[in-house]
Amino acid sequence: MTDDRRLGEYLRARRELVRPEDVGIRVTGPRRTPGLRREEVATLAGISADYYLRLEQGRDRNPSPQVLEAVARVFGLDDAATAYLLALAGVRPTARAQRSTTGRGRVPTGTLQFLEVVGLPAFVEDRAFDVLAANALATDLDPGIRAGENRLRTIFLDPAGTARCPDWERQMAGMVAAFRASIGPDVDDPSVVRLVGELSLGSEAFRRLWARHDVRAPSGAAVRMWHPEVGDLELRREKLGVGGTDGQLLVVHHAEPGSASAHALALLGSLAASHTGPGDGVE
């Protein structure tokens, strides 16, 4: 798919998700068009309807950042989604460096040492959510968190992974949106194409969420998890960039001190220690 077609597809998907009442348009009768009409977007963005139509059809090859940012405001896009829109249109300070989105990057030695000593479930993932390294506690918390696994593949295609997420629908929507933001315009990377194709064939839920074109910057959040040995856990998931890498993230789970989840996590740590022999831990 060309950049022009991707831009048009993204604009159409976002336009159809905006309700007229969200932007102050009063609806008095039935509408055949889901979301906003093209002329409504154009009016709100301060551009001509014909010009906006050319954008959706990929016939304007040099849209200005000002126009795209105006459209982004109409759609209510946040900074991450607006940056994604600009990148699709080729609006960026310098030409995008060609790089492999899913290359198995080498995790820095200091980060690997941190995984061993942190005492919390922690792992490192790349831009496509491939797990590059994980400590024993992270794998005990979720067996899908281990080196060589992809978190999207585990959560959408492995029933055991789904069972560990009580808030499955909400968490997966956020995960797909973060994945789209993470890979940016690199959707034609062969590894990304294969992964998206596999997930689309195997999961109706993934197809539906991918088609929404939601974009959300990867960030920390509250997560609910279920573990067969310690039960329900209310945790925080923090995501920290790993310096000197191409988008690697250090992901750490922790619980509120003194909470039931903190005690459950401590118990899980004891169980993990009993499962781990000398020299085991980080994969």
C-alpha atoms as a PDB file:
ATOM      1  CA  MET A   1       0.000   0.000   0.000  1.00  0.00           C
ATOM      2  CA  THR A   2       1.379   3.432  -0.931  1.00  0.00           C
ATOM      3  CA  ASP A   3       1.786   6.295   1.542  1.00  0.00           C
ATOM      4  CA  ASP A   4      -1.042   8.154  -0.229  1.00  0.00           C
ATOM      5  CA  ARG A   5      -3.473   5.273   0.225  1.00  0.00           C
ATOM      6  CA  ARG A   6      -2.461   4.791   3.863  1.00  0.00           C
ATOM      7  CA  LEU A   7      -3.104   8.469   4.546  1.00  0.00           C
ATOM      8  CA  GLY A   8      -6.541   8.320   2.932  1.00  0.00           C
ATOM      9  CA  GLU A   9      -7.440   5.118   4.786  1.00  0.00           C
ATOM     10  CA  TYR A  10      -6.408   6.656   8.078  1.00  0.00           C
ATOM     11  CA  LEU A  11      -8.388   9.856   7.466  1.00  0.00           C
ATOM     12  CA  ARG A  12     -11.516   7.908   6.531  1.00  0.00           C
ATOM     13  CA  ALA A  13     -11.240   5.629   9.555  1.00  0.00           C
ATOM     14  CA  ARG A  14     -10.854   8.537  11.971  1.00  0.00           C
ATOM     15  CA  ARG A  15     -13.608  10.606  10.307  1.00  0.00           C
ATOM     16  CA  GLU A  16     -16.089   7.767  10.708  1.00  0.00           C
ATOM     17  CA  LEU A  17     -15.354   7.504  14.440  1.00  0.00           C
ATOM     18  CA  VAL A  18     -16.176  11.158  15.261  1.00  0.00           C
ATOM     19  CA  ARG A  19     -19.801  11.740  16.214  1.00  0.00           C
ATOM     20  CA  PRO A  20     -21.301  15.003  14.929  1.00  0.00           C
ATOM     21  CA  GLU A  21     -22.366  16.002  18.440  1.00  0.00           C
ATOM     22  CA  ASP A  22     -18.743  15.672  19.602  1.00  0.00           C
ATOM     23  CA  VAL A  23     -17.815  18.662  17.419  1.00  0.00           C
ATOM     24  CA  GLY A  24     -20.958  20.704  18.010  1.00  0.00           C
ATOM     25  CA  ILE A  25     -22.989  19.618  14.992  1.00  0.00           C
ATOM     26  CA  ARG A  26     -26.680  19.148  15.712  1.00  0.00           C
ATOM     27  CA  VAL A  27     -28.236  16.130  14.021  1.00  0.00           C
ATOM     28  CA  THR A  28     -31.945  16.463  13.248  1.00  0.00           C
ATOM     29  CA  GLY A  29     -32.572  13.417  11.051  1.00  0.00           C
ATOM     30  CA  PRO A  30     -31.124  10.093   9.905  1.00  0.00           C
ATOM     31  CA  ARG A  31     -27.619  10.054   8.467  1.00  0.00           C
ATOM     32  CA  ARG A  32     -26.317   7.488   6.015  1.00  0.00           C
ATOM     33  CA  THR A  33     -22.702   8.431   6.703  1.00  0.00           C
ATOM     34  CA  PRO A  34     -21.083   7.067   9.879  1.00  0.00           C
ATOM     35  CA  GLY A  35     -19.326   9.796  11.802  1.00  0.00           C
ATOM     36  CA  LEU A  36     -18.693  13.113  10.083  1.00  0.00           C
ATOM     37  CA  ARG A  37     -19.306  13.979   6.448  1.00  0.00           C
ATOM     38  CA  ARG A  38     -16.310  15.133   4.409  1.00  0.00           C
ATOM     39  CA  GLU A  39     -17.713  18.639   3.985  1.00  0.00           C
ATOM     40  CA  GLU A  40     -18.177  18.905   7.755  1.00  0.00           C
ATOM     41  CA  VAL A  41     -14.542  18.019   8.354  1.00  0.00           C
ATOM     42  CA  ALA A  42     -13.479  20.563   5.740  1.00  0.00           C
ATOM     43  CA  THR A  43     -15.584  23.345   7.268  1.00  0.00           C
ATOM     44  CA  LEU A  44     -14.314  22.665  10.787  1.00  0.00           C
ATOM     45  CA  ALA A  45     -10.699  22.497   9.574  1.00  0.00           C
ATOM     46  CA  GLY A  46     -10.998  25.712   7.549  1.00  0.00           C
ATOM     47  CA  ILE A  47     -10.266  24.145   4.168  1.00  0.00           C
ATOM     48  CA  SER A  48     -12.363  23.521   1.057  1.00  0.00           C
ATOM     49  CA  ALA A  49     -14.419  20.348   0.728  1.00  0.00           C
ATOM     50  CA  ASP A  50     -12.682  19.602  -2.574  1.00  0.00           C
ATOM     51  CA  TYR A  51      -9.264  19.874  -0.961  1.00  0.00           C
ATOM     52  CA  TYR A  52     -10.230  17.503   1.872  1.00  0.00           C
ATOM     53  CA  LEU A  53     -11.625  15.051  -0.700  1.00  0.00           C
ATOM     54  CA  ARG A  54      -8.264  15.121  -2.491  1.00  0.00           C
ATOM     55  CA  LEU A  55      -6.553  14.273   0.810  1.00  0.00           C
ATOM     56  CA  GLU A  56      -8.752  11.226   1.387  1.00  0.00           C
ATOM     57  CA  GLN A  57      -8.285  10.103  -2.194  1.00  0.00           C
ATOM     58  CA  GLY A  58      -4.517  10.526  -2.027  1.00  0.00           C
ATOM     59  CA  ARG A  59      -4.477  13.142  -4.778  1.00  0.00           C
ATOM     60  CA  ASP A  60      -2.652  15.809  -2.764  1.00  0.00           C
ATOM     61  CA  ARG A  61       0.935  14.652  -2.487  1.00  0.00           C
ATOM     62  CA  ASN A  62       2.250  17.633  -0.530  1.00  0.00           C
ATOM     63  CA  PRO A  63      -0.232  18.550   2.228  1.00  0.00           C
ATOM     64  CA  SER A  64       1.010  21.192   4.620  1.00  0.00           C
ATOM     65  CA  PRO A  65       1.515  20.378   8.306  1.00  0.00           C
ATOM     66  CA  GLN A  66      -0.853  23.224   9.167  1.00  0.00           C
ATOM     67  CA  VAL A  67      -3.709  21.612   7.220  1.00  0.00           C
ATOM     68  CA  LEU A  68      -3.046  18.178   8.683  1.00  0.00           C
ATOM     69  CA  GLU A  69      -2.876  19.565  12.214  1.00  0.00           C
ATOM     70  CA  ALA A  70      -6.191  21.345  11.656  1.00  0.00           C
ATOM     71  CA  VAL A  71      -7.771  18.054  10.547  1.00  0.00           C
ATOM     72  CA  ALA A  72      -6.209  16.337  13.552  1.00  0.00           C
ATOM     73  CA  ARG A  73      -7.884  18.865  15.855  1.00  0.00           C
ATOM     74  CA  VAL A  74     -11.258  18.160  14.236  1.00  0.00           C
ATOM     75  CA  PHE A  75     -10.752  14.447  14.882  1.00  0.00           C
ATOM     76  CA  GLY A  76      -9.616  15.087  18.454  1.00  0.00           C
ATOM     77  CA  LEU A  77      -6.250  13.396  17.894  1.00  0.00           C
ATOM     78  CA  ASP A  78      -3.658  13.563  20.665  1.00  0.00           C
ATOM     79  CA  ASP A  79       0.046  14.281  20.104  1.00  0.00           C
ATOM     80  CA  ALA A  80       0.936  10.664  19.281  1.00  0.00           C
ATOM     81  CA  ALA A  81      -1.891  10.258  16.769  1.00  0.00           C
ATOM     82  CA  THR A  82      -1.138  13.647  15.189  1.00  0.00           C
ATOM     83  CA  ALA A  83       2.521  12.693  14.797  1.00  0.00           C
ATOM     84  CA  TYR A  84       1.410   9.455  13.160  1.00  0.00           C
ATOM     85  CA  LEU A  85      -0.806  11.388  10.728  1.00  0.00           C
ATOM     86  CA  LEU A  86       2.054  13.718   9.805  1.00  0.00           C
ATOM     87  CA  ALA A  87       4.389  10.783   9.274  1.00  0.00           C
ATOM     88  CA  LEU A  88       1.911   9.068   6.962  1.00  0.00           C
ATOM     89  CA  ALA A  89       1.832  12.232   4.851  1.00  0.00           C
ATOM     90  CA  GLY A  90       5.615  12.459   4.797  1.00  0.00           C
ATOM     91  CA  VAL A  91       5.646  15.663   6.854  1.00  0.00           C
ATOM     92  CA  ARG A  92       8.704  15.449   9.077  1.00  0.00           C
ATOM     93  CA  PRO A  93      11.932  17.400   9.575  1.00  0.00           C
ATOM     94  CA  THR A  94      14.176  14.930   7.785  1.00  0.00           C
ATOM     95  CA  ALA A  95      13.703  11.903   5.572  1.00  0.00           C
ATOM     96  CA  ARG A  96      12.776   8.873   7.649  1.00  0.00           C
ATOM     97  CA  ALA A  97      15.769   6.629   8.096  1.00  0.00           C
ATOM     98  CA  GLN A  98      15.135   3.152   6.748  1.00  0.00           C
ATOM     99  CA  ARG A  99      15.290   0.646   9.564  1.00  0.00           C
ATOM    100  CA  SER A 100      13.919  -2.727  10.509  1.00  0.00           C
ATOM    101  CA  THR A 101      10.993  -2.277  12.840  1.00  0.00           C
ATOM    102  CA  THR A 102      11.177  -5.734  14.343  1.00  0.00           C
ATOM    103  CA  GLY A 103      14.887  -6.406  14.378  1.00  0.00           C
ATOM    104  CA  ARG A 104      15.907  -8.399  17.450  1.00  0.00           C
ATOM    105  CA  GLY A 105      18.002  -5.638  18.981  1.00  0.00           C
ATOM    106  CA  ARG A 106      20.679  -6.405  21.513  1.00  0.00           C
ATOM    107  CA  VAL A 107      19.643  -5.485  25.048  1.00  0.00           C
ATOM    108  CA  PRO A 108      22.345  -3.437  26.831  1.00  0.00           C
ATOM    109  CA  THR A 109      24.267  -5.329  29.520  1.00  0.00           C
ATOM    110  CA  GLY A 110      23.272  -2.871  32.241  1.00  0.00           C
ATOM    111  CA  THR A 111      19.597  -3.386  31.446  1.00  0.00           C
ATOM    112  CA  LEU A 112      19.996  -7.171  31.619  1.00  0.00           C
ATOM    113  CA  GLN A 113      21.652  -6.782  35.027  1.00  0.00           C
ATOM    114  CA  PHE A 114      18.772  -4.584  36.170  1.00  0.00           C
ATOM    115  CA  LEU A 115      16.290  -7.334  35.281  1.00  0.00           C
ATOM    116  CA  GLU A 116      18.188  -9.713  37.551  1.00  0.00           C
ATOM    117  CA  VAL A 117      18.244  -7.463  40.620  1.00  0.00           C
ATOM    118  CA  VAL A 118      15.056  -5.373  40.445  1.00  0.00           C
ATOM    119  CA  GLY A 119      12.912  -7.869  42.388  1.00  0.00           C
ATOM    120  CA  LEU A 120       9.811  -7.074  40.320  1.00  0.00           C
ATOM    121  CA  PRO A 121       8.360  -8.579  37.135  1.00  0.00           C
ATOM    122  CA  ALA A 122      10.312  -6.844  34.370  1.00  0.00           C
ATOM    123  CA  PHE A 123      11.123  -7.388  30.733  1.00  0.00           C
ATOM    124  CA  VAL A 124      12.417  -5.603  27.624  1.00  0.00           C
ATOM    125  CA  GLU A 125      10.402  -5.377  24.406  1.00  0.00           C
ATOM    126  CA  ASP A 126      11.129  -3.860  21.003  1.00  0.00           C
ATOM    127  CA  ARG A 127       9.014  -1.561  18.834  1.00  0.00           C
ATOM    128  CA  ALA A 128       6.854  -4.465  17.596  1.00  0.00           C
ATOM    129  CA  PHE A 129       6.285  -5.882  21.104  1.00  0.00           C
ATOM    130  CA  ASP A 130       8.713  -8.775  20.684  1.00  0.00           C
ATOM    131  CA  VAL A 131      10.058  -9.737  24.110  1.00  0.00           C
ATOM    132  CA  LEU A 132      13.859  -9.491  24.009  1.00  0.00           C
ATOM    133  CA  ALA A 133      14.601 -10.405  27.646  1.00  0.00           C
ATOM    134  CA  ALA A 134      12.600 -11.152  30.786  1.00  0.00           C
ATOM    135  CA  ASN A 135      13.290 -12.083  34.383  1.00  0.00           C
ATOM    136  CA  ALA A 136      11.839 -15.181  36.022  1.00  0.00           C
ATOM    137  CA  LEU A 137       9.212 -13.222  37.943  1.00  0.00           C
ATOM    138  CA  ALA A 138       7.823 -11.682  34.743  1.00  0.00           C
ATOM    139  CA  THR A 139       7.539 -15.126  33.150  1.00  0.00           C
ATOM    140  CA  ASP A 140       5.856 -16.509  36.277  1.00  0.00           C
ATOM    141  CA  LEU A 141       3.403 -13.598  36.181  1.00  0.00           C
ATOM    142  CA  ASP A 142       2.620 -14.347  32.521  1.00  0.00           C
ATOM    143  CA  PRO A 143       4.217 -17.313  30.704  1.00  0.00           C
ATOM    144  CA  GLY A 144       3.854 -15.384  27.442  1.00  0.00           C
ATOM    145  CA  ILE A 145       6.456 -12.896  28.684  1.00  0.00           C
ATOM    146  CA  ARG A 146       9.626 -14.657  27.696  1.00  0.00           C
ATOM    147  CA  ALA A 147      12.381 -13.998  25.181  1.00  0.00           C
ATOM    148  CA  GLY A 148      11.301 -14.843  21.649  1.00  0.00           C
ATOM    149  CA  GLU A 149       7.567 -14.349  22.202  1.00  0.00           C
ATOM    150  CA  ASN A 150       5.487 -11.510  20.784  1.00  0.00           C
ATOM    151  CA  ARG A 151       3.013 -10.024  23.270  1.00  0.00           C
ATOM    152  CA  LEU A 152       0.359  -9.304  20.638  1.00  0.00           C
ATOM    153  CA  ARG A 153       0.535 -12.864  19.352  1.00  0.00           C
ATOM    154  CA  THR A 154       0.287 -14.263  22.873  1.00  0.00           C
ATOM    155  CA  ILE A 155      -2.621 -12.131  23.978  1.00  0.00           C
ATOM    156  CA  PHE A 156      -4.733 -12.485  20.818  1.00  0.00           C
ATOM    157  CA  LEU A 157      -3.962 -16.058  19.756  1.00  0.00           C
ATOM    158  CA  ASP A 158      -3.257 -17.898  23.013  1.00  0.00           C
ATOM    159  CA  PRO A 159      -6.410 -18.627  25.078  1.00  0.00           C
ATOM    160  CA  ALA A 160      -4.290 -18.939  28.225  1.00  0.00           C
ATOM    161  CA  GLY A 161      -2.970 -15.410  27.684  1.00  0.00           C
ATOM    162  CA  THR A 162      -6.485 -14.060  27.263  1.00  0.00           C
ATOM    163  CA  ALA A 163      -7.615 -15.758  30.488  1.00  0.00           C
ATOM    164  CA  ARG A 164      -5.024 -13.809  32.464  1.00  0.00           C
ATOM    165  CA  CYS A 165      -6.549 -10.437  31.465  1.00  0.00           C
ATOM    166  CA  PRO A 166      -9.874  -9.687  33.218  1.00  0.00           C
ATOM    167  CA  ASP A 167     -10.019  -6.347  31.369  1.00  0.00           C
ATOM    168  CA  TRP A 168      -9.201  -8.036  28.075  1.00  0.00           C
ATOM    169  CA  GLU A 169     -11.184  -5.736  25.760  1.00  0.00           C
ATOM    170  CA  ARG A 170      -9.897  -2.478  27.244  1.00  0.00           C
ATOM    171  CA  GLN A 171      -6.305  -3.618  27.531  1.00  0.00           C
ATOM    172  CA  MET A 172      -6.209  -5.019  24.026  1.00  0.00           C
ATOM    173  CA  ALA A 173      -7.633  -1.852  22.490  1.00  0.00           C
ATOM    174  CA  GLY A 174      -4.874   0.137  24.183  1.00  0.00           C
ATOM    175  CA  MET A 175      -2.253  -2.386  23.152  1.00  0.00           C
ATOM    176  CA  VAL A 176      -3.178  -2.288  19.459  1.00  0.00           C
ATOM    177  CA  ALA A 177      -3.256   1.526  19.509  1.00  0.00           C
ATOM    178  CA  ALA A 178       0.195   1.591  21.152  1.00  0.00           C
ATOM    179  CA  PHE A 179       1.495  -0.914  18.580  1.00  0.00           C
ATOM    180  CA  ARG A 180       0.349   1.307  15.716  1.00  0.00           C
ATOM    181  CA  ALA A 181       2.038   4.324  17.329  1.00  0.00           C
ATOM    182  CA  SER A 182       5.207   2.343  17.978  1.00  0.00           C
ATOM    183  CA  ILE A 183       5.699   1.147  14.408  1.00  0.00           C
ATOM    184  CA  GLY A 184       4.571   4.481  12.956  1.00  0.00           C
ATOM    185  CA  PRO A 185       4.574   4.522   9.144  1.00  0.00           C
ATOM    186  CA  ASP A 186       6.711   1.349   9.000  1.00  0.00           C
ATOM    187  CA  VAL A 187       3.633  -0.808   8.330  1.00  0.00           C
ATOM    188  CA  ASP A 188       5.233  -2.140   5.136  1.00  0.00           C
ATOM    189  CA  ASP A 189       8.142  -3.669   7.052  1.00  0.00           C
ATOM    190  CA  PRO A 190       7.970  -7.381   6.066  1.00  0.00           C
ATOM    191  CA  SER A 191       8.008  -8.553   9.681  1.00  0.00           C
ATOM    192  CA  VAL A 192       5.152  -6.205  10.572  1.00  0.00           C
ATOM    193  CA  VAL A 193       3.172  -7.336   7.511  1.00  0.00           C
ATOM    194  CA  ARG A 194       3.588 -10.983   8.549  1.00  0.00           C
ATOM    195  CA  LEU A 195       2.604 -10.289  12.159  1.00  0.00           C
ATOM    196  CA  VAL A 196      -0.451  -8.209  11.261  1.00  0.00           C
ATOM    197  CA  GLY A 197      -1.498 -10.819   8.715  1.00  0.00           C
ATOM    198  CA  GLU A 198      -1.185 -13.649  11.219  1.00  0.00           C
ATOM    199  CA  LEU A 199      -3.132 -11.755  13.867  1.00  0.00           C
ATOM    200  CA  SER A 200      -5.808 -10.682  11.385  1.00  0.00           C
ATOM    201  CA  LEU A 201      -6.359 -14.246  10.215  1.00  0.00           C
ATOM    202  CA  GLY A 202      -6.441 -15.668  13.729  1.00  0.00           C
ATOM    203  CA  SER A 203      -8.383 -13.041  15.677  1.00  0.00           C
ATOM    204  CA  GLU A 204     -11.581 -11.205  14.771  1.00  0.00           C
ATOM    205  CA  ALA A 205     -10.980  -8.909  17.750  1.00  0.00           C
ATOM    206  CA  PHE A 206      -7.585  -7.871  16.370  1.00  0.00           C
ATOM    207  CA  ARG A 207      -9.063  -7.226  12.889  1.00  0.00           C
ATOM    208  CA  ARG A 208     -11.713  -4.973  14.416  1.00  0.00           C
ATOM    209  CA  LEU A 209      -9.278  -3.012  16.584  1.00  0.00           C
ATOM    210  CA  TRP A 210      -6.672  -2.689  13.805  1.00  0.00           C
ATOM    211  CA  ALA A 211      -9.311  -1.291  11.450  1.00  0.00           C
ATOM    212  CA  ARG A 212     -10.069   1.534  13.896  1.00  0.00           C
ATOM    213  CA  HIS A 213      -6.623   3.072  13.295  1.00  0.00           C
ATOM    214  CA  ASP A 214      -6.407   4.180  16.927  1.00  0.00           C
ATOM    215  CA  VAL A 215      -2.983   5.549  17.867  1.00  0.00           C
ATOM    216  CA  ARG A 216      -1.749   5.951  21.420  1.00  0.00           C
ATOM    217  CA  ALA A 217       1.794   6.498  22.634  1.00  0.00           C
ATOM    218  CA  PRO A 218       3.076   3.529  24.683  1.00  0.00           C
ATOM    219  CA  SER A 219       2.902   4.525  28.342  1.00  0.00           C
ATOM    220  CA  GLY A 220       2.442   3.186  31.836  1.00  0.00           C
ATOM    221  CA  ALA A 221      -1.018   2.265  33.034  1.00  0.00           C
ATOM    222  CA  ALA A 222      -2.993   0.430  35.674  1.00  0.00           C
ATOM    223  CA  VAL A 223      -3.565  -3.211  34.704  1.00  0.00           C
ATOM    224  CA  ARG A 224      -5.583  -6.058  36.154  1.00  0.00           C
ATOM    225  CA  MET A 225      -4.182  -9.558  35.882  1.00  0.00           C
ATOM    226  CA  TRP A 226      -5.191 -13.005  37.082  1.00  0.00           C
ATOM    227  CA  HIS A 227      -2.731 -15.689  38.154  1.00  0.00           C
ATOM    228  CA  PRO A 228      -3.751 -19.301  38.846  1.00  0.00           C
ATOM    229  CA  GLU A 229      -1.651 -19.484  42.040  1.00  0.00           C
ATOM    230  CA  VAL A 230      -2.093 -16.035  43.621  1.00  0.00           C
ATOM    231  CA  GLY A 231      -5.405 -14.850  42.123  1.00  0.00           C
ATOM    232  CA  ASP A 232      -6.292 -11.316  41.022  1.00  0.00           C
ATOM    233  CA  LEU A 233      -3.658  -8.572  40.952  1.00  0.00           C
ATOM    234  CA  GLU A 234      -4.076  -4.807  40.551  1.00  0.00           C
ATOM    235  CA  LEU A 235      -0.740  -3.585  39.215  1.00  0.00           C
ATOM    236  CA  ARG A 236       0.946  -0.604  37.611  1.00  0.00           C
ATOM    237  CA  ARG A 237       2.836  -1.175  34.385  1.00  0.00           C
ATOM    238  CA  GLU A 238       5.641   1.321  33.820  1.00  0.00           C
ATOM    239  CA  LYS A 239       7.363   1.660  30.435  1.00  0.00           C
ATOM    240  CA  LEU A 240      10.788   3.281  30.287  1.00  0.00           C
ATOM    241  CA  GLY A 241      12.874   3.885  27.187  1.00  0.00           C
ATOM    242  CA  VAL A 242      16.208   2.057  27.015  1.00  0.00           C
ATOM    243  CA  GLY A 243      18.927   4.504  25.980  1.00  0.00           C
ATOM    244  CA  GLY A 244      21.107   3.732  22.981  1.00  0.00           C
ATOM    245  CA  THR A 245      18.562   1.387  21.355  1.00  0.00           C
ATOM    246  CA  ASP A 246      16.074   1.631  18.504  1.00  0.00           C
ATOM    247  CA  GLY A 247      12.926   2.015  20.567  1.00  0.00           C
ATOM    248  CA  GLN A 248      13.423  -0.693  23.179  1.00  0.00           C
ATOM    249  CA  LEU A 249      11.267  -0.334  26.300  1.00  0.00           C
ATOM    250  CA  LEU A 250      11.906  -1.593  29.807  1.00  0.00           C
ATOM    251  CA  VAL A 251       8.551  -2.710  31.242  1.00  0.00           C
ATOM    252  CA  VAL A 252       8.147  -3.133  35.011  1.00  0.00           C
ATOM    253  CA  HIS A 253       5.090  -4.262  36.993  1.00  0.00           C
ATOM    254  CA  HIS A 254       4.617  -3.132  40.587  1.00  0.00           C
ATOM    255  CA  ALA A 255       1.830  -2.912  43.170  1.00  0.00           C
ATOM    256  CA  GLU A 256       0.782  -0.298  45.725  1.00  0.00           C
ATOM    257  CA  PRO A 257       2.828  -0.902  48.894  1.00  0.00           C
ATOM    258  CA  GLY A 258       0.881  -2.756  51.564  1.00  0.00           C
ATOM    259  CA  SER A 259      -1.943  -3.714  49.226  1.00  0.00           C
ATOM    260  CA  ALA A 260      -3.330  -7.189  48.696  1.00  0.00           C
ATOM    261  CA  SER A 261      -1.728  -7.173  45.270  1.00  0.00           C
ATOM    262  CA  ALA A 262       1.658  -6.336  46.808  1.00  0.00           C
ATOM    263  CA  HIS A 263       1.354  -9.363  49.103  1.00  0.00           C
ATOM    264  CA  ALA A 264       0.276 -11.524  46.148  1.00  0.00           C
ATOM    265  CA  LEU A 265       3.253 -10.279  44.130  1.00  0.00           C
ATOM    266  CA  ALA A 266       5.592 -11.087  47.034  1.00  0.00           C
ATOM    267  CA  LEU A 267       4.133 -14.604  47.189  1.00  0.00           C
ATOM    268  CA  LEU A 268       4.626 -14.944  43.448  1.00  0.00           C
ATOM    269  CA  GLY A 269       8.252 -13.895  43.958  1.00  0.00           C
ATOM    270  CA  SER A 270       8.730 -16.696  46.469  1.00  0.00           C
ATOM    271  CA  LEU A 271       7.210 -19.169  44.040  1.00  0.00           C
ATOM    272  CA  ALA A 272       9.387 -17.868  41.212  1.00  0.00           C
ATOM    273  CA  ALA A 273      12.502 -18.236  43.354  1.00  0.00           C
ATOM    274  CA  SER A 274      11.582 -21.862  44.036  1.00  0.00           C
ATOM    275  CA  HIS A 275      11.221 -22.452  40.279  1.00  0.00           C
ATOM    276  CA  THR A 276      14.543 -20.820  39.410  1.00  0.00           C
ATOM    277  CA  GLY A 277      17.791 -22.642  39.757  1.00  0.00           C
ATOM    278  CA  PRO A 278      21.363 -21.247  39.887  1.00  0.00           C
ATOM    279  CA  GLY A 279      22.134 -19.221  36.781  1.00  0.00           C
ATOM    280  CA  ASP A 280      18.506 -18.971  35.686  1.00  0.00           C
ATOM    281  CA  GLY A 281      16.491 -15.758  35.544  1.00  0.00           C
ATOM    282  CA  VAL A 282      16.953 -13.484  32.552  1.00  0.00           C
ATOM    283  CA  GLU A 283      16.274 -15.095  29.190  1.00  0.00           C
END
